[in-house]
Amino acid sequence: MPQVVILMGSKSDEEKVSPCVDVLKSLGVSCFITVSSAHRTPERTEELVRRYEAEGTRVFICAAGMAAHLAGAVAARTTRPVIGIPVSSAALCGMDALFATVQMPPGFPVATVATDKAGARNAAWLAAQILAVSDPALNERIAQARAKMREEVEKAGEEISNKYA
């Protein structure tokens, strides 16, 4: 049973969404990723949500571009947390997806992160933090990962300062 299910609206979103899987795996969070479209395969989307919710999935992450209704379609079918990743397209540079993902009616929230790869990484971090509320070991892994990030920034700061000293 995956703790997190990641749905992409299109196979073409894979490059932008795959960092989500990388972060989740690095934190020891089980996940499943697949393609399902709110518009082209609404029945598949509903079936996936029902199946994985029944199996105990705790968080859904949805990535979609353009009209980007996937996260809202999932939020309409579950009471589990839903995180939306707006995916940019050439036409409107992701603004269309951002607006479609963030504008949900009351009672059907979607936590919306940044677009593309940065959003995919933050969606994974947010999902992990949601899970960590009831998982002290995961909470500790998150804290350790953040400590490592701080160390890397401090090291980079020293390198740059020394380079220009």
Protein backbone atom coordinates (compact mmCIF):
# COMPACT_ATOMS: atom_id res chain seq x y z
CA MET A 1 0.00 0.00 0.00
CA PRO A 2 1.58 3.29 -1.04
CA GLN A 3 1.41 6.09 1.51
CA VAL A 4 1.29 8.63 -1.32
CA VAL A 5 -0.29 8.30 -4.76
CA ILE A 6 0.92 10.64 -7.49
CA LEU A 7 -1.32 11.20 -10.50
CA MET A 8 -0.11 13.02 -13.61
CA GLY A 9 -2.53 14.32 -16.20
CA SER A 10 -0.25 13.31 -19.04
CA LYS A 11 2.84 11.20 -19.68
CA SER A 12 4.55 14.38 -20.89
CA ASP A 13 4.49 15.63 -17.26
CA GLU A 14 6.87 12.88 -16.12
CA GLU A 15 10.09 14.89 -16.41
CA LYS A 16 8.66 17.69 -14.29
CA VAL A 17 7.03 15.39 -11.72
CA SER A 18 9.69 12.71 -11.22
CA PRO A 19 11.60 14.75 -8.59
CA CYS A 20 8.56 14.17 -6.36
CA VAL A 21 9.24 10.44 -6.39
CA ASP A 22 12.94 11.01 -5.73
CA VAL A 23 12.26 13.06 -2.59
CA LEU A 24 9.65 10.64 -1.26
CA LYS A 25 11.95 7.65 -1.76
CA SER A 26 14.86 9.48 -0.13
CA LEU A 27 12.67 9.96 2.96
CA GLY A 28 11.49 6.35 2.99
CA VAL A 29 7.92 7.18 1.97
CA SER A 30 6.24 4.61 -0.26
CA CYS A 31 4.55 5.95 -3.35
CA PHE A 32 2.85 4.98 -6.58
CA ILE A 33 2.83 7.14 -9.72
CA THR A 34 0.67 6.84 -12.81
CA VAL A 35 -1.14 8.85 -15.49
CA SER A 36 -4.82 9.71 -15.26
CA SER A 37 -6.66 12.65 -16.74
CA ALA A 38 -9.55 14.52 -15.15
CA HIS A 39 -10.97 15.11 -18.63
CA ARG A 40 -9.90 12.19 -20.81
CA THR A 41 -10.21 9.42 -18.20
CA PRO A 42 -12.49 10.64 -15.39
CA GLU A 43 -13.63 7.09 -14.60
CA ARG A 44 -10.00 5.93 -14.23
CA THR A 45 -9.27 8.87 -11.95
CA GLU A 46 -12.24 8.04 -9.75
CA GLU A 47 -11.34 4.32 -9.68
CA LEU A 48 -7.73 5.07 -8.69
CA VAL A 49 -8.81 7.38 -5.87
CA ARG A 50 -11.38 4.90 -4.54
CA ARG A 51 -8.98 1.94 -4.77
CA TYR A 52 -6.00 3.60 -3.14
CA GLU A 53 -8.07 5.33 -0.47
CA ALA A 54 -9.59 1.94 0.45
CA GLU A 55 -6.08 0.45 0.60
CA GLY A 56 -4.96 3.14 3.03
CA THR A 57 -3.19 5.76 0.93
CA ARG A 58 -2.88 8.85 3.11
CA VAL A 59 -2.02 11.65 0.63
CA PHE A 60 -2.70 12.27 -3.07
CA ILE A 61 -0.45 14.43 -5.23
CA CYS A 62 -1.82 15.57 -8.59
CA ALA A 63 0.16 17.21 -11.38
CA ALA A 64 -1.55 18.73 -14.39
CA GLY A 65 -1.14 21.54 -16.85
CA MET A 66 -3.39 23.85 -18.79
CA ALA A 67 -6.94 23.50 -17.37
CA ALA A 68 -5.37 21.45 -14.52
CA HIS A 69 -8.56 20.05 -13.03
CA LEU A 70 -6.99 16.79 -11.85
CA ALA A 71 -6.33 17.88 -8.26
CA GLY A 72 -9.85 19.26 -7.91
CA ALA A 73 -11.34 16.09 -9.39
CA VAL A 74 -9.43 14.04 -6.84
CA ALA A 75 -10.34 16.38 -3.96
CA ALA A 76 -14.01 15.93 -4.92
CA ARG A 77 -13.65 12.17 -4.39
CA THR A 78 -11.63 11.93 -1.17
CA THR A 79 -11.29 13.51 2.23
CA ARG A 80 -7.56 12.72 2.26
CA PRO A 81 -5.13 15.61 1.73
CA VAL A 82 -4.61 16.53 -1.92
CA ILE A 83 -1.56 18.45 -3.10
CA GLY A 84 -1.59 20.03 -6.55
CA ILE A 85 1.45 20.63 -8.75
CA PRO A 86 0.66 23.05 -11.58
CA VAL A 87 2.58 22.03 -14.71
CA SER A 88 3.65 24.73 -17.13
CA SER A 89 2.74 24.70 -20.80
CA ALA A 90 4.08 26.79 -23.63
CA ALA A 91 0.91 28.83 -24.05
CA LEU A 92 0.56 30.55 -20.66
CA CYS A 93 3.77 29.45 -18.88
CA GLY A 94 1.85 27.60 -16.15
CA MET A 95 -0.32 30.50 -15.00
CA ASP A 96 -3.41 28.72 -16.32
CA ALA A 97 -2.52 25.57 -14.38
CA LEU A 98 -1.69 27.56 -11.25
CA PHE A 99 -5.03 29.36 -11.25
CA ALA A 100 -6.96 26.15 -12.03
CA THR A 101 -5.22 24.30 -9.20
CA VAL A 102 -5.41 26.95 -6.52
CA GLN A 103 -9.04 28.03 -7.05
CA MET A 104 -11.05 25.33 -5.29
CA PRO A 105 -14.53 25.75 -3.81
CA PRO A 106 -14.89 25.81 -0.02
CA GLY A 107 -14.76 22.35 1.52
CA PHE A 108 -12.64 20.83 -1.27
CA PRO A 109 -9.16 22.26 -0.65
CA VAL A 110 -6.07 21.52 -2.68
CA ALA A 111 -2.73 22.49 -1.19
CA THR A 112 -0.98 24.06 -4.15
CA VAL A 113 2.79 24.24 -4.55
CA ALA A 114 5.03 25.87 -7.15
CA THR A 115 5.06 24.78 -10.77
CA ASP A 116 7.10 22.02 -12.31
CA LYS A 117 10.19 20.43 -10.68
CA ALA A 118 10.40 22.80 -7.72
CA GLY A 119 6.72 22.21 -7.04
CA ALA A 120 7.18 18.45 -7.40
CA ARG A 121 9.91 18.47 -4.77
CA ASN A 122 7.86 20.63 -2.41
CA ALA A 123 4.78 18.47 -2.93
CA ALA A 124 6.83 15.50 -1.75
CA TRP A 125 8.15 17.44 1.26
CA LEU A 126 4.63 18.56 2.17
CA ALA A 127 3.24 15.02 1.82
CA ALA A 128 6.05 13.73 4.03
CA GLN A 129 5.36 16.42 6.64
CA ILE A 130 1.67 15.47 6.66
CA LEU A 131 2.61 11.83 7.21
CA ALA A 132 5.20 12.77 9.84
CA VAL A 133 2.50 14.19 12.12
CA SER A 134 1.84 10.58 13.17
CA ASP A 135 5.26 9.08 12.34
CA PRO A 136 8.12 10.20 14.63
CA ALA A 137 10.72 8.28 12.62
CA LEU A 138 9.73 10.08 9.42
CA ASN A 139 9.75 13.37 11.29
CA GLU A 140 13.35 12.67 12.32
CA ARG A 141 14.35 11.80 8.72
CA ILE A 142 12.88 15.12 7.57
CA ALA A 143 14.79 16.97 10.30
CA GLN A 144 18.03 15.22 9.29
CA ALA A 145 17.50 16.06 5.62
CA ARG A 146 16.93 19.72 6.49
CA ALA A 147 20.07 19.76 8.63
CA LYS A 148 22.02 18.42 5.65
CA MET A 149 20.57 21.18 3.45
CA ARG A 150 21.66 23.81 5.99
CA GLU A 151 25.16 22.34 6.06
CA GLU A 152 25.35 22.45 2.26
CA VAL A 153 24.30 26.11 2.19
CA GLU A 154 26.84 27.00 4.88
CA LYS A 155 29.57 25.17 2.98
CA ALA A 156 28.64 26.95 -0.26
CA GLY A 157 28.67 30.27 1.60
CA GLU A 158 32.17 29.63 2.90
CA GLU A 159 33.40 28.58 -0.56
CA ILE A 160 32.03 31.74 -2.18
CA SER A 161 33.32 34.00 0.61
CA ASN A 162 36.79 32.44 0.42
CA LYS A 163 36.83 32.71 -3.38
CA TYR A 164 36.35 36.49 -3.19
CA ALA A 165 38.32 37.19 0.00
